[in-house]
Amino acid sequence: MNNVINKSIGLSAPKENVWRVLTEKQFTDVWYSAFSEGTQALTD
């Protein structure tokens, strides 16, 4: 049995700003640290 949850939200921001927040280290560090202080993601 497959359980699927679909969610969506609307954002009042330009897609360039959203993408920047999702991909730039200065923003992702803030996001990750909310779950575990000092946590970082290493990407190429």
C-alpha atoms as a PDB file:
ATOM      1  CA  MET A   1       0.000   0.000   0.000  1.00  0.00           C
ATOM      2  CA  ASN A   2       1.418   3.392  -1.020  1.00  0.00           C
ATOM      3  CA  ASN A   3       0.693   6.372   1.152  1.00  0.00           C
ATOM      4  CA  VAL A   4       1.160   9.685  -0.590  1.00  0.00           C
ATOM      5  CA  ILE A   5       0.885  13.148   0.894  1.00  0.00           C
ATOM      6  CA  ASN A   6       0.782  16.077  -1.514  1.00  0.00           C
ATOM      7  CA  LYS A   7       1.224  19.600  -0.215  1.00  0.00           C
ATOM      8  CA  SER A   8       1.665  22.916  -1.959  1.00  0.00           C
ATOM      9  CA  ILE A   9       2.111  26.539  -0.963  1.00  0.00           C
ATOM     10  CA  GLY A  10       2.058  29.820  -2.811  1.00  0.00           C
ATOM     11  CA  LEU A  11       4.961  32.225  -2.387  1.00  0.00           C
ATOM     12  CA  SER A  12       4.821  35.958  -2.951  1.00  0.00           C
ATOM     13  CA  ALA A  13       8.422  36.193  -4.091  1.00  0.00           C
ATOM     14  CA  PRO A  14      10.221  36.121  -7.412  1.00  0.00           C
ATOM     15  CA  LYS A  15      11.411  32.618  -8.331  1.00  0.00           C
ATOM     16  CA  GLU A  16      15.005  33.896  -8.457  1.00  0.00           C
ATOM     17  CA  ASN A  17      14.822  34.862  -4.772  1.00  0.00           C
ATOM     18  CA  VAL A  18      13.296  31.530  -3.781  1.00  0.00           C
ATOM     19  CA  TRP A  19      15.976  29.602  -5.685  1.00  0.00           C
ATOM     20  CA  ARG A  20      18.712  31.730  -4.083  1.00  0.00           C
ATOM     21  CA  VAL A  21      17.435  30.967  -0.577  1.00  0.00           C
ATOM     22  CA  LEU A  22      17.272  27.257  -1.370  1.00  0.00           C
ATOM     23  CA  THR A  23      20.786  27.053  -2.806  1.00  0.00           C
ATOM     24  CA  GLU A  24      23.088  29.630  -1.181  1.00  0.00           C
ATOM     25  CA  LYS A  25      25.119  28.581   1.848  1.00  0.00           C
ATOM     26  CA  GLN A  26      24.341  31.699   3.879  1.00  0.00           C
ATOM     27  CA  PHE A  27      20.665  30.727   3.831  1.00  0.00           C
ATOM     28  CA  THR A  28      20.896  26.933   3.960  1.00  0.00           C
ATOM     29  CA  ASP A  29      23.102  27.097   7.063  1.00  0.00           C
ATOM     30  CA  VAL A  30      20.314  28.946   8.874  1.00  0.00           C
ATOM     31  CA  TRP A  31      17.769  26.324   7.772  1.00  0.00           C
ATOM     32  CA  TYR A  32      19.880  23.311   8.767  1.00  0.00           C
ATOM     33  CA  SER A  33      20.880  24.793  12.120  1.00  0.00           C
ATOM     34  CA  ALA A  34      17.195  25.086  13.055  1.00  0.00           C
ATOM     35  CA  PHE A  35      17.139  21.278  13.223  1.00  0.00           C
ATOM     36  CA  SER A  36      20.558  20.676  14.753  1.00  0.00           C
ATOM     37  CA  GLU A  37      22.921  23.468  15.711  1.00  0.00           C
ATOM     38  CA  GLY A  38      26.077  23.534  13.619  1.00  0.00           C
ATOM     39  CA  THR A  39      24.672  21.211  10.945  1.00  0.00           C
ATOM     40  CA  GLN A  40      25.749  21.983   7.403  1.00  0.00           C
ATOM     41  CA  ALA A  41      25.259  20.423   4.002  1.00  0.00           C
ATOM     42  CA  LEU A  42      28.267  19.861   1.761  1.00  0.00           C
ATOM     43  CA  THR A  43      27.513  20.115  -1.930  1.00  0.00           C
ATOM     44  CA  ASP A  44      29.508  20.342  -5.092  1.00  0.00           C
END
